[in-house]
Protein backbone atom coordinates (compact mmCIF):
# COMPACT_ATOMS: atom_id res chain seq x y z
CA GLY A 1 -0.26 -0.42 -0.35
CA ARG A 2 0.94 3.85 -0.16
CA CYS A 3 0.56 4.67 3.62
CA GLY A 4 3.47 3.64 5.80
CA PRO A 5 3.87 4.61 9.39
CA THR A 6 1.55 6.06 11.24
CA GLN A 7 0.76 7.61 14.82
CA HIS A 8 -2.12 8.95 15.93
CA LEU A 9 -2.34 10.81 19.03
CA VAL A 10 -5.77 11.00 21.48
CA GLY A 11 -6.95 13.09 24.66
CA ASN A 12 -8.23 14.89 26.36
CA HIS A 13 -11.04 12.66 26.85
CA ARG A 14 -15.02 14.13 27.62
CA ILE A 15 -16.99 11.31 28.90
CA ARG A 16 -20.74 11.47 29.89
CA ILE A 17 -22.16 8.09 31.51
CA ASP A 18 -26.01 8.65 31.49
CA ALA A 19 -26.67 4.54 33.39
CA ASP A 20 -25.34 2.41 31.00
CA THR A 21 -24.44 4.52 27.98
CA ALA A 22 -22.07 6.74 27.66
CA THR A 23 -20.70 9.53 25.30
CA SER A 24 -17.53 10.59 24.84
CA THR A 25 -15.23 13.12 23.57
CA SER A 26 -11.51 13.37 22.42
CA TYR A 27 -9.02 15.31 20.19
CA VAL A 28 -7.49 13.19 17.51
CA ARG A 29 -3.76 14.11 15.86
CA ALA A 30 -2.98 11.57 13.48
CA PHE A 31 0.14 11.77 11.18
CA HIS A 32 0.35 9.61 8.12
CA ARG A 33 3.83 8.76 6.37
CA SER A 34 4.25 6.70 3.00
CA ALA A 35 5.57 2.84 2.93
CA ALA A 36 9.37 2.24 2.29
CA GLY A 37 10.35 1.65 -1.21
CA ARG A 38 7.44 4.78 -2.23
CA PRO A 39 8.29 8.64 -2.74
CA GLU A 40 8.27 11.03 0.64
CA GLN A 41 4.09 11.56 1.19
CA PHE A 42 2.51 12.96 4.01
CA TRP A 43 -1.12 13.78 5.36
CA ASP A 44 -1.69 14.91 9.26
CA PHE A 45 -5.15 15.52 10.48
CA LEU A 46 -6.79 17.03 13.33
CA GLY A 47 -10.06 16.10 14.48
CA GLU A 48 -12.39 15.11 17.18
CA TYR A 49 -13.83 11.94 18.33
CA HIS A 50 -17.39 11.60 19.04
CA ASP A 51 -18.37 8.04 20.35
CA SER A 52 -21.41 6.25 22.05
CA TRP A 53 -21.29 3.61 24.16
CA ARG A 54 -22.66 0.57 25.53
CA ARG A 55 -21.95 -0.89 29.00
CA THR A 56 -22.22 -4.85 28.82
CA ASP A 57 -21.55 -8.28 30.90
CA ALA A 58 -17.72 -7.65 29.28
CA GLY A 59 -17.58 -4.93 30.53
CA TRP A 60 -18.17 -1.12 27.69
CA ARG A 61 -18.60 -1.51 24.55
CA MET A 62 -17.59 1.55 21.45
CA THR A 63 -21.05 1.01 19.65
CA VAL A 64 -20.66 4.20 17.20
CA ARG A 65 -17.91 6.74 15.92
CA VAL A 66 -17.92 9.46 13.74
CA CYS A 67 -14.63 11.60 13.34
CA ARG A 68 -14.70 15.17 12.69
CA PRO A 69 -12.24 17.26 10.91
CA LEU A 70 -10.38 19.91 12.16
CA ALA A 71 -7.39 20.52 10.00
CA THR A 72 -5.24 18.39 7.13
CA VAL A 73 -2.39 19.61 6.17
CA GLY A 74 -0.37 16.98 2.79
CA ASP A 75 -1.86 14.72 0.43
CA LEU A 76 -4.84 12.70 1.23
CA ALA A 77 -4.33 10.42 -1.69
CA LEU A 78 -1.81 8.81 0.59
CA LEU A 79 -4.87 7.19 1.90
CA ALA A 80 -6.95 6.29 -0.51
CA PRO A 81 -6.57 6.52 -3.66
CA SER A 82 -10.37 7.27 -4.48
CA CYS A 83 -9.18 10.85 -2.34
CA ALA A 84 -7.31 12.24 -5.06
CA ARG A 85 -10.00 12.51 -7.48
CA GLY A 86 -12.22 13.97 -4.92
CA GLY A 87 -14.40 10.89 -3.19
CA PRO A 88 -15.42 9.64 0.35
CA VAL A 89 -12.37 8.22 2.04
CA ALA A 90 -13.16 4.28 1.97
CA VAL A 91 -14.14 2.50 4.97
CA PRO A 92 -13.38 -1.04 4.70
CA PRO A 93 -16.29 -3.96 5.34
CA ARG A 94 -16.30 -4.31 9.67
CA PRO A 95 -16.35 -7.60 11.59
CA ARG A 96 -19.28 -8.36 13.76
CA ASP A 97 -17.56 -7.58 16.96
CA ARG A 98 -16.69 -4.09 15.75
CA PRO A 99 -18.37 -0.89 16.06
CA ALA A 100 -19.81 0.97 13.39
CA MET A 101 -17.13 4.11 12.38
CA THR A 102 -17.76 6.95 10.74
CA ALA A 103 -15.56 7.97 7.63
CA TRP A 104 -15.13 12.28 6.48
CA SER A 105 -14.47 12.85 3.20
CA PRO A 106 -12.55 16.30 3.76
CA HIS A 107 -12.50 16.84 -0.30
CA THR A 108 -16.54 16.36 -0.68
CA GLN A 109 -17.51 17.60 2.76
CA GLN A 110 -19.50 14.50 3.21
CA ALA A 111 -19.27 11.74 5.92
CA VAL A 112 -19.53 7.91 4.41
CA HIS A 113 -21.73 5.61 7.25
CA ARG A 114 -20.77 2.13 7.63
């Protein structure tokens, strides 16, 4: 693939608990660099995660994650070829035990729900 090393820094968590459900908001800064042997590219992202949670017998489980972009720098084409054409960010199919996720395309300003 095009993307190599990444680092996602998440902080300033704000959590609201209401019985067996909760919501949380946190800030994220994500660094993405090109894979070894590829031309040097980068894409950095600043944003917020807005998450919903449910308490289960096994503990708290995330049910939804919405990612809201605040700023980006670099070439989004590093992550998905369709992004270079202004299309939405591709969200791969998720296993049943993983939460639903919403991806955001900064180019089209539209959410992609999975």
